[in-house]
Amino acid sequence: MLVGRHAPEPRASKAAMNSLTRGFAATDVGGHNLTVLTMQPGWVRKAMGGDQAPLSATPS
């Protein structure tokens, strides 16, 4: 079983976020001269991310 950043769940959720962003940009704000940006933190040190992740989940 794959765990952490190699597990299918985080990959699927990031792919879904990318798809939603593309769809929103194309259908909801398309033609209005706007840029739509999605930011994802990447590999984060937490239960699912593991101890070797470079980023902490502590709010800044």
C-alpha atoms as a PDB file:
ATOM      1  CA  MET A   1       0.000   0.000   0.000  1.00  0.00           C
ATOM      2  CA  LEU A   2       1.316   3.434  -0.906  1.00  0.00           C
ATOM      3  CA  VAL A   3       1.392   6.041   1.846  1.00  0.00           C
ATOM      4  CA  GLY A   4       2.308   9.692   2.178  1.00  0.00           C
ATOM      5  CA  ARG A   5       2.932  11.754  -0.920  1.00  0.00           C
ATOM      6  CA  HIS A   6       2.966   8.626  -3.127  1.00  0.00           C
ATOM      7  CA  ALA A   7      -0.549   7.574  -2.090  1.00  0.00           C
ATOM      8  CA  PRO A   8      -3.299   7.930  -4.699  1.00  0.00           C
ATOM      9  CA  GLU A   9      -5.527  10.097  -2.482  1.00  0.00           C
ATOM     10  CA  PRO A  10      -3.364  13.257  -2.345  1.00  0.00           C
ATOM     11  CA  ARG A  11      -2.544  12.911  -6.018  1.00  0.00           C
ATOM     12  CA  ALA A  12      -6.237  12.598  -6.901  1.00  0.00           C
ATOM     13  CA  SER A  13      -7.202  15.604  -4.781  1.00  0.00           C
ATOM     14  CA  LYS A  14      -4.482  17.758  -6.383  1.00  0.00           C
ATOM     15  CA  ALA A  15      -5.567  16.646  -9.855  1.00  0.00           C
ATOM     16  CA  ALA A  16      -9.172  17.508  -8.971  1.00  0.00           C
ATOM     17  CA  MET A  17      -8.124  20.965  -7.741  1.00  0.00           C
ATOM     18  CA  ASN A  18      -6.208  21.583 -10.978  1.00  0.00           C
ATOM     19  CA  SER A  19      -9.207  20.491 -13.036  1.00  0.00           C
ATOM     20  CA  LEU A  20     -11.613  22.688 -11.063  1.00  0.00           C
ATOM     21  CA  THR A  21      -9.303  25.661 -11.496  1.00  0.00           C
ATOM     22  CA  ARG A  22      -9.066  25.130 -15.252  1.00  0.00           C
ATOM     23  CA  GLY A  23     -12.839  24.758 -15.509  1.00  0.00           C
ATOM     24  CA  PHE A  24     -13.491  27.859 -13.409  1.00  0.00           C
ATOM     25  CA  ALA A  25     -11.004  29.882 -15.434  1.00  0.00           C
ATOM     26  CA  ALA A  26     -12.559  28.767 -18.713  1.00  0.00           C
ATOM     27  CA  THR A  27     -16.260  29.007 -17.870  1.00  0.00           C
ATOM     28  CA  ASP A  28     -16.728  31.514 -15.055  1.00  0.00           C
ATOM     29  CA  VAL A  29     -14.110  34.186 -15.689  1.00  0.00           C
ATOM     30  CA  GLY A  30     -13.130  33.473 -19.268  1.00  0.00           C
ATOM     31  CA  GLY A  31     -13.198  36.581 -21.433  1.00  0.00           C
ATOM     32  CA  HIS A  32     -12.858  38.980 -18.483  1.00  0.00           C
ATOM     33  CA  ASN A  33      -9.057  39.404 -18.743  1.00  0.00           C
ATOM     34  CA  LEU A  34      -8.481  37.729 -15.354  1.00  0.00           C
ATOM     35  CA  THR A  35      -5.885  35.204 -14.233  1.00  0.00           C
ATOM     36  CA  VAL A  36      -6.952  32.302 -12.015  1.00  0.00           C
ATOM     37  CA  LEU A  37      -4.256  30.854  -9.769  1.00  0.00           C
ATOM     38  CA  THR A  38      -4.342  27.782  -7.540  1.00  0.00           C
ATOM     39  CA  MET A  39      -1.598  27.306  -4.973  1.00  0.00           C
ATOM     40  CA  GLN A  40      -0.887  23.980  -3.329  1.00  0.00           C
ATOM     41  CA  PRO A  41       1.618  23.702  -0.486  1.00  0.00           C
ATOM     42  CA  GLY A  42       3.286  20.524  -1.717  1.00  0.00           C
ATOM     43  CA  TRP A  43       4.785  17.985   0.655  1.00  0.00           C
ATOM     44  CA  VAL A  44       3.811  18.965   4.224  1.00  0.00           C
ATOM     45  CA  ARG A  45       5.024  17.448   7.491  1.00  0.00           C
ATOM     46  CA  LYS A  46       1.920  15.924   9.104  1.00  0.00           C
ATOM     47  CA  ALA A  47       0.401  12.472   9.653  1.00  0.00           C
ATOM     48  CA  MET A  48      -0.165  11.802   5.952  1.00  0.00           C
ATOM     49  CA  GLY A  49       2.925  13.689   4.733  1.00  0.00           C
ATOM     50  CA  GLY A  50       5.466  12.018   7.009  1.00  0.00           C
ATOM     51  CA  ASP A  51       8.316  13.364   9.132  1.00  0.00           C
ATOM     52  CA  GLN A  52      10.756  14.036   6.266  1.00  0.00           C
ATOM     53  CA  ALA A  53       8.572  16.650   4.555  1.00  0.00           C
ATOM     54  CA  PRO A  54      10.304  20.044   4.309  1.00  0.00           C
ATOM     55  CA  LEU A  55       7.231  22.126   5.247  1.00  0.00           C
ATOM     56  CA  SER A  56       5.442  22.286   8.589  1.00  0.00           C
ATOM     57  CA  ALA A  57       1.645  22.417   8.840  1.00  0.00           C
ATOM     58  CA  THR A  58       1.961  25.089  11.543  1.00  0.00           C
ATOM     59  CA  PRO A  59       0.076  28.237  10.486  1.00  0.00           C
ATOM     60  CA  SER A  60       2.274  31.248   9.829  1.00  0.00           C
END
